[in-house]
Protein backbone atom coordinates (compact mmCIF):
# COMPACT_ATOMS: atom_id res chain seq x y z
CA UNK A 1 -16.88 25.71 10.34
CA UNK A 2 -18.60 22.34 9.85
CA UNK A 3 -17.22 19.04 8.65
CA UNK A 4 -18.35 17.94 5.21
CA UNK A 5 -19.79 14.44 5.15
CA UNK A 6 -21.42 12.21 2.56
CA UNK A 7 -25.12 12.88 2.03
CA UNK A 8 -27.25 10.88 4.48
CA UNK A 9 -24.49 9.43 6.69
CA UNK A 10 -26.45 7.86 9.58
CA UNK A 11 -24.28 9.28 12.39
CA UNK A 12 -25.10 12.83 11.26
CA UNK A 13 -28.12 12.97 13.58
CA UNK A 14 -25.95 12.00 16.58
CA UNK A 15 -23.46 14.73 15.65
CA UNK A 16 -26.22 17.33 15.44
CA UNK A 17 -27.51 16.27 18.86
CA UNK A 18 -24.02 16.96 20.22
CA UNK A 19 -23.90 20.37 18.44
CA UNK A 20 -21.19 19.17 16.06
CA UNK A 21 -21.93 21.03 12.86
CA UNK A 22 -21.89 19.19 9.55
CA UNK A 23 -22.42 20.23 5.96
CA UNK A 24 -23.39 18.04 3.05
CA UNK A 25 -21.67 18.09 -0.33
CA UNK A 26 -24.20 20.14 -2.29
CA UNK A 27 -23.92 23.06 0.16
CA UNK A 28 -20.14 22.82 0.53
CA UNK A 29 -19.76 23.44 -3.20
CA UNK A 30 -21.39 26.87 -2.79
CA UNK A 31 -18.68 28.05 -0.39
CA UNK A 32 -15.54 29.68 -1.78
CA UNK A 33 -13.11 28.00 0.58
CA UNK A 34 -10.30 25.47 0.41
CA UNK A 35 -11.36 22.74 2.89
CA UNK A 36 -8.90 20.51 4.71
CA UNK A 37 -9.22 17.08 3.10
CA UNK A 38 -9.02 14.13 5.51
CA UNK A 39 -9.14 10.43 4.64
CA UNK A 40 -10.17 7.98 7.38
CA UNK A 41 -9.19 4.34 6.89
CA UNK A 42 -11.63 2.69 9.28
CA UNK A 43 -10.40 -0.77 10.28
CA UNK A 44 -12.60 -1.07 13.37
CA UNK A 45 -15.40 -3.68 13.34
CA UNK A 46 -18.18 -1.32 14.48
CA UNK A 47 -17.59 1.28 11.81
CA UNK A 48 -20.50 3.59 12.60
CA UNK A 49 -19.38 3.86 16.22
CA UNK A 50 -15.86 4.81 15.11
CA UNK A 51 -17.24 7.28 12.56
CA UNK A 52 -19.06 9.10 15.35
CA UNK A 53 -16.03 9.11 17.67
CA UNK A 54 -13.70 10.58 15.05
CA UNK A 55 -16.12 13.03 13.47
CA UNK A 56 -17.03 14.62 16.80
CA UNK A 57 -13.32 15.35 17.33
CA UNK A 58 -12.64 16.54 13.79
CA UNK A 59 -15.69 18.80 13.97
CA UNK A 60 -14.29 20.87 16.86
CA UNK A 61 -12.35 23.29 14.67
CA UNK A 62 -12.96 26.61 12.85
CA UNK A 63 -11.80 24.99 9.60
CA UNK A 64 -14.00 23.26 7.05
CA UNK A 65 -13.06 19.58 7.01
CA UNK A 66 -13.84 17.41 3.97
CA UNK A 67 -13.93 13.77 5.14
CA UNK A 68 -13.74 10.59 3.05
CA UNK A 69 -14.07 7.13 4.59
CA UNK A 70 -12.27 4.09 3.23
CA UNK A 71 -12.40 0.35 3.94
CA UNK A 72 -10.19 -2.54 2.88
CA UNK A 73 -11.50 -4.22 -0.26
CA UNK A 74 -9.57 -7.40 0.57
CA UNK A 75 -11.45 -7.93 3.86
CA UNK A 76 -15.09 -8.88 4.41
CA UNK A 77 -16.60 -6.92 7.29
CA UNK A 78 -18.70 -9.04 9.66
CA UNK A 79 -20.09 -6.20 11.76
CA UNK A 80 -21.01 -3.54 9.19
CA UNK A 81 -23.59 -4.03 6.45
CA UNK A 82 -22.19 -4.16 2.94
CA UNK A 83 -24.81 -1.59 1.91
CA UNK A 84 -23.33 0.92 4.39
CA UNK A 85 -19.83 0.40 3.02
CA UNK A 86 -20.97 0.66 -0.58
CA UNK A 87 -22.88 3.87 0.06
CA UNK A 88 -20.55 5.79 2.37
CA UNK A 89 -17.07 4.29 1.91
CA UNK A 90 -14.44 4.20 -0.81
CA UNK A 91 -12.03 1.43 -1.67
CA UNK A 92 -8.34 2.07 -2.20
CA UNK A 93 -8.74 1.70 -5.96
CA UNK A 94 -11.34 4.49 -5.97
CA UNK A 95 -9.14 7.11 -4.27
CA UNK A 96 -5.71 6.49 -5.81
CA UNK A 97 -5.92 9.65 -7.93
CA UNK A 98 -6.89 11.85 -4.96
CA UNK A 99 -4.69 13.78 -2.55
CA UNK A 100 -5.32 14.55 1.09
CA UNK A 101 -4.01 16.93 3.72
CA UNK A 102 -4.34 14.25 6.38
CA UNK A 103 -5.12 10.58 6.86
CA UNK A 104 -6.26 8.70 9.97
CA UNK A 105 -5.68 4.94 10.25
CA UNK A 106 -7.70 3.42 13.09
CA UNK A 107 -7.02 0.44 15.29
CA UNK A 108 -8.13 -3.07 14.35
CA UNK A 109 -8.96 -6.23 16.36
CA UNK A 110 -6.02 -8.19 14.90
CA UNK A 111 -3.32 -7.60 17.50
CA UNK A 112 -2.93 -11.29 18.31
CA UNK A 113 -1.99 -12.02 14.70
CA UNK A 114 1.43 -11.52 13.19
CA UNK A 115 1.32 -8.72 10.64
CA UNK A 116 1.72 -11.13 7.72
CA UNK A 117 -1.34 -13.10 8.92
CA UNK A 118 -3.73 -10.15 8.51
CA UNK A 119 -5.82 -10.80 5.40
CA UNK A 120 -5.61 -7.23 4.08
CA UNK A 121 -1.94 -6.59 4.88
CA UNK A 122 -0.77 -6.43 1.25
CA UNK A 123 -3.47 -3.92 0.36
CA UNK A 124 -2.57 -1.88 3.46
CA UNK A 125 1.11 -1.85 2.51
CA UNK A 126 0.21 -0.66 -0.98
CA UNK A 127 -1.86 2.10 0.56
CA UNK A 128 1.00 3.16 2.81
CA UNK A 129 3.24 3.48 -0.22
CA UNK A 130 0.58 5.54 -2.01
CA UNK A 131 0.09 7.80 1.01
CA UNK A 132 3.76 8.81 0.99
CA UNK A 133 3.11 10.90 -2.12
CA UNK A 134 -0.62 11.61 -1.78
CA UNK A 135 -1.04 12.52 1.92
CA UNK A 136 0.73 15.27 3.85
CA UNK A 137 0.13 14.21 7.46
CA UNK A 138 -0.82 10.83 8.95
CA UNK A 139 -2.36 9.88 12.29
CA UNK A 140 -2.11 6.20 13.33
CA UNK A 141 -4.16 4.80 16.22
CA UNK A 142 -3.56 1.63 18.32
CA UNK A 143 -2.98 -1.32 15.92
CA UNK A 144 -2.65 1.18 13.09
CA UNK A 145 0.25 2.73 15.03
CA UNK A 146 1.80 -0.68 15.80
CA UNK A 147 1.67 -1.56 12.11
CA UNK A 148 3.09 1.76 10.92
CA UNK A 149 5.97 1.64 13.42
CA UNK A 150 6.82 -1.85 12.20
CA UNK A 151 6.36 -0.97 8.52
CA UNK A 152 8.62 2.08 8.57
CA UNK A 153 11.03 1.45 11.44
CA UNK A 154 11.02 -2.32 11.95
CA UNK A 155 9.78 -1.95 15.54
CA UNK A 156 8.32 -5.22 16.78
CA UNK A 157 5.19 -5.76 18.83
CA UNK A 158 4.77 -8.52 21.39
CA UNK A 159 1.72 -10.01 23.06
CA UNK A 160 0.97 -9.09 26.65
CA UNK A 161 0.19 -11.81 29.19
CA UNK A 162 -2.96 -9.88 30.15
CA UNK A 163 -4.91 -7.35 28.13
CA UNK A 164 -4.00 -3.74 28.91
CA UNK A 165 -7.49 -2.55 29.68
CA UNK A 166 -8.54 0.62 31.45
CA UNK A 167 -7.76 4.31 31.83
CA UNK A 168 -4.19 5.15 32.80
CA UNK A 169 -2.05 8.20 33.60
CA UNK A 170 0.66 9.18 31.12
CA UNK A 171 3.38 11.79 31.58
CA UNK A 172 3.83 14.66 29.16
CA UNK A 173 7.53 14.42 28.23
CA UNK A 174 7.55 17.22 25.65
CA UNK A 175 5.31 20.03 26.97
CA UNK A 176 6.61 22.43 24.30
CA UNK A 177 5.78 20.15 21.38
CA UNK A 178 3.15 21.59 18.98
CA UNK A 179 1.10 18.37 19.06
CA UNK A 180 0.85 18.58 22.87
CA UNK A 181 -0.12 22.24 23.04
CA UNK A 182 -2.41 22.70 26.05
CA UNK A 183 -1.69 19.26 27.55
CA UNK A 184 -1.31 18.97 31.31
CA UNK A 185 1.82 17.42 32.82
CA UNK A 186 -0.20 14.22 33.32
CA UNK A 187 -3.23 13.15 31.29
CA UNK A 188 -5.46 10.07 31.22
CA UNK A 189 -6.03 7.82 28.21
CA UNK A 190 -8.07 4.65 27.63
CA UNK A 191 -6.05 1.60 26.64
CA UNK A 192 -7.57 -1.56 25.20
CA UNK A 193 -4.97 -3.81 23.62
CA UNK A 194 -3.33 -7.20 23.76
CA UNK A 195 0.05 -6.07 22.42
CA UNK A 196 2.87 -3.72 23.29
CA UNK A 197 5.67 -2.33 21.16
CA UNK A 198 9.38 -2.64 21.89
CA UNK A 199 9.95 0.48 24.01
CA UNK A 200 13.74 0.30 23.88
CA UNK A 201 13.67 0.01 20.09
CA UNK A 202 11.61 3.19 19.89
CA UNK A 203 14.04 5.00 22.19
CA UNK A 204 16.94 4.09 19.92
CA UNK A 205 15.22 4.75 16.60
CA UNK A 206 16.46 7.84 14.80
CA UNK A 207 13.62 10.00 13.54
CA UNK A 208 11.13 9.06 16.27
CA UNK A 209 10.18 11.16 19.28
CA UNK A 210 8.41 9.81 22.36
CA UNK A 211 6.04 12.57 23.49
CA UNK A 212 4.20 10.86 26.35
CA UNK A 213 4.87 7.76 28.41
CA UNK A 214 3.92 5.68 31.42
CA UNK A 215 6.69 4.18 33.59
CA UNK A 216 5.03 0.75 33.50
CA UNK A 217 3.36 0.59 30.09
CA UNK A 218 5.75 2.58 27.92
CA UNK A 219 4.89 5.26 25.36
CA UNK A 220 1.47 6.39 24.26
CA UNK A 221 2.04 9.29 21.82
CA UNK A 222 5.00 9.36 19.41
CA UNK A 223 5.79 11.36 16.31
CA UNK A 224 8.38 11.61 13.59
CA UNK A 225 10.84 14.48 13.85
CA UNK A 226 9.10 16.40 11.08
CA UNK A 227 5.75 15.92 12.91
CA UNK A 228 4.06 14.61 9.76
CA UNK A 229 3.41 11.16 11.26
CA UNK A 230 1.68 10.75 14.61
CA UNK A 231 1.47 7.39 16.41
CA UNK A 232 -0.95 6.93 19.33
CA UNK A 233 -1.27 3.56 21.08
CA UNK A 234 -4.24 4.52 23.24
CA UNK A 235 -7.80 5.44 22.36
CA UNK A 236 -8.39 9.08 23.21
CA UNK A 237 -11.18 9.01 20.61
CA UNK A 238 -13.22 6.56 22.71
CA UNK A 239 -16.54 7.74 24.13
CA UNK A 240 -17.60 7.46 27.75
CA UNK A 241 -19.11 3.98 27.41
CA UNK A 242 -16.76 2.32 24.90
CA UNK A 243 -14.59 0.44 27.40
CA UNK A 244 -17.69 -0.68 29.30
CA UNK A 245 -19.26 -2.03 26.11
CA UNK A 246 -16.03 -3.93 25.33
CA UNK A 247 -16.08 -5.37 28.84
CA UNK A 248 -19.70 -6.56 28.45
CA UNK A 249 -18.87 -8.04 25.04
CA UNK A 250 -15.96 -10.03 26.44
CA UNK A 251 -18.13 -11.32 29.30
CA UNK A 252 -20.82 -12.45 26.85
CA UNK A 253 -18.30 -14.37 24.76
CA UNK A 254 -16.96 -16.19 27.81
CA UNK A 255 -13.65 -14.39 27.97
CA UNK A 256 -11.77 -14.10 31.24
CA UNK A 257 -11.70 -10.36 31.64
CA UNK A 258 -11.51 -8.05 34.65
CA UNK A 259 -13.35 -4.72 34.65
CA UNK A 260 -11.30 -1.94 33.01
CA UNK A 261 -8.96 -0.31 35.52
CA UNK A 262 -9.65 3.22 36.78
CA UNK A 263 -12.80 3.45 34.66
CA UNK A 264 -15.92 2.79 36.71
CA UNK A 265 -16.49 5.00 39.73
CA UNK A 266 -15.02 3.15 42.74
CA UNK A 267 -14.31 0.26 40.31
CA UNK A 268 -17.97 -0.72 40.48
CA UNK A 269 -19.07 -2.13 37.05
CA UNK A 270 -22.67 -1.16 37.81
CA UNK A 271 -21.73 2.52 38.20
CA UNK A 272 -21.47 5.18 35.52
CA UNK A 273 -17.98 5.44 33.97
CA UNK A 274 -15.96 8.55 34.72
CA UNK A 275 -15.20 10.43 31.47
CA UNK A 276 -11.72 11.73 32.31
CA UNK A 277 -9.93 11.98 28.92
CA UNK A 278 -12.34 13.99 26.77
CA UNK A 279 -10.55 17.35 26.93
CA UNK A 280 -7.17 15.89 25.94
CA UNK A 281 -8.80 14.03 23.05
CA UNK A 282 -10.06 17.34 21.67
CA UNK A 283 -6.67 18.96 22.28
CA UNK A 284 -4.72 16.29 20.42
CA UNK A 285 -7.02 16.26 17.40
CA UNK A 286 -7.20 20.07 17.28
CA UNK A 287 -3.41 20.31 17.48
CA UNK A 288 -3.00 17.74 14.70
CA UNK A 289 -5.51 19.54 12.48
CA UNK A 290 -3.84 22.89 13.17
CA UNK A 291 -0.33 21.60 12.41
CA UNK A 292 -1.61 19.93 9.23
CA UNK A 293 -3.38 23.12 8.15
CA UNK A 294 -0.38 25.34 8.90
CA UNK A 295 2.15 23.18 7.07
CA UNK A 296 0.40 21.43 4.20
CA UNK A 297 0.53 22.77 0.65
CA UNK A 298 -2.36 24.85 -0.61
CA UNK A 299 -2.09 22.92 -3.88
CA UNK A 300 -1.94 19.24 -2.92
CA UNK A 301 -0.47 18.26 -6.29
CA UNK A 302 2.84 19.49 -4.85
CA UNK A 303 2.91 16.47 -2.53
CA UNK A 304 4.61 14.39 -5.21
CA UNK A 305 7.41 16.90 -5.77
């Protein structure tokens, strides 16, 4: 089944070129089916790039997915045209009467700030409160995961002396967990962050499960015991060239940055990156969609009960 997207969304052509099937609203209304409704809060600066990354993963499922995008009204985007946001995105105020099977909260380039210094933090906290009664399952990525772990469990983040940047091996600690169905004992995941969470605090927090971890860098995938909240510190959604583009950007801005570890073939920045995490990205998103579909209410108005 295809994913339902807003009429005319620019990344649709890229999705079609990758054989990711989409359906626009007028055709979706002719199908007698209850789609899975997903809200994506896109906090990344290059929103169209993130749209493509997430939609290609959500589109790899036999279910019909109905996707809404949202942006923070209390933040002015510097990298995405206002016209794009107005045409294809909702604000929080516009979706408060809606209910969703799932919600994805992306990363954001604000890791070096304390949470209270982020200009949209109050709006985000209001949205988190709303989502507790209007969303069944939530998927937090990178800074989104750091924020959610702090918001709900008081887990602190701290700045790293050097950016964690590259593709790293993580151990599968819970091979029988539904969200890790099909995962190998070891998988690779891109990391691109300036902050780390308090690993020991996570280990001692009731209601949290560490599903995957690296001996040096700590956890990557965590979930609540009821599996309704998923926290992922890495970027399995990244495309082949994303880390390389971040590396070039940092070089252009004069930043002191080494090439991403374990990313370029033979660590040569002029070579083609090795795409070594794609299959596990599809597995994780497919597992999350499946668990959401299997467990959510058919009638989403029951979420508030």
